[in-house]
Amino acid sequence: MTNKKCCICEKEAAPYKCPTCKEPYCSVTCCKEHKNQTCEPPKLPEEPIKHESIREYKFPTEDTVLVEKLQQLQYSKELKECLKRPDLRDIMKAVLNNPNPTEAIASAMRMPLFVEMADVCLKIVEPPDAAKPC
């Protein structure tokens, strides 16, 4: 049970919530009364969640990708489209759950779908115009 008051009769024990607006109510009678009123879904905060601390690498190398670049991946529509594919998600789960991740990635890189996703990621974190000489 919850400590919230019913939005209709204001009783202390309101164990149910409206599926639309999440307001608490205590009974079928109050639920019916609430349905006769206008309710709207709760508003989400407009500001994106800010990460308070930026993770720093303990042992960066020349191949280390900056955290800021990695964060750009979340905005890629192309990457999101790739990740909608269940077969790609299965490959990624297998890589993550493999005790030898280097071997798992090498194996995954033989699969065109995984290579496509990796190429999308690389275009974001290392755009072609920033290509390094060999």
Foldseek 3Di string as FASTA:
>chain_A
DDQFAAPQPGDRDFPDADPAQRGTHRDPVSVVVVVVDDHHHDDDDPDDDDDPDADDDPDDDPPDFGSVLVVVCVVDPVLVVLVVDPVLVVLVVCLVPDPDNVVSVVVVCVPPSVVVNVVVSCCRRQNPVNDDDD
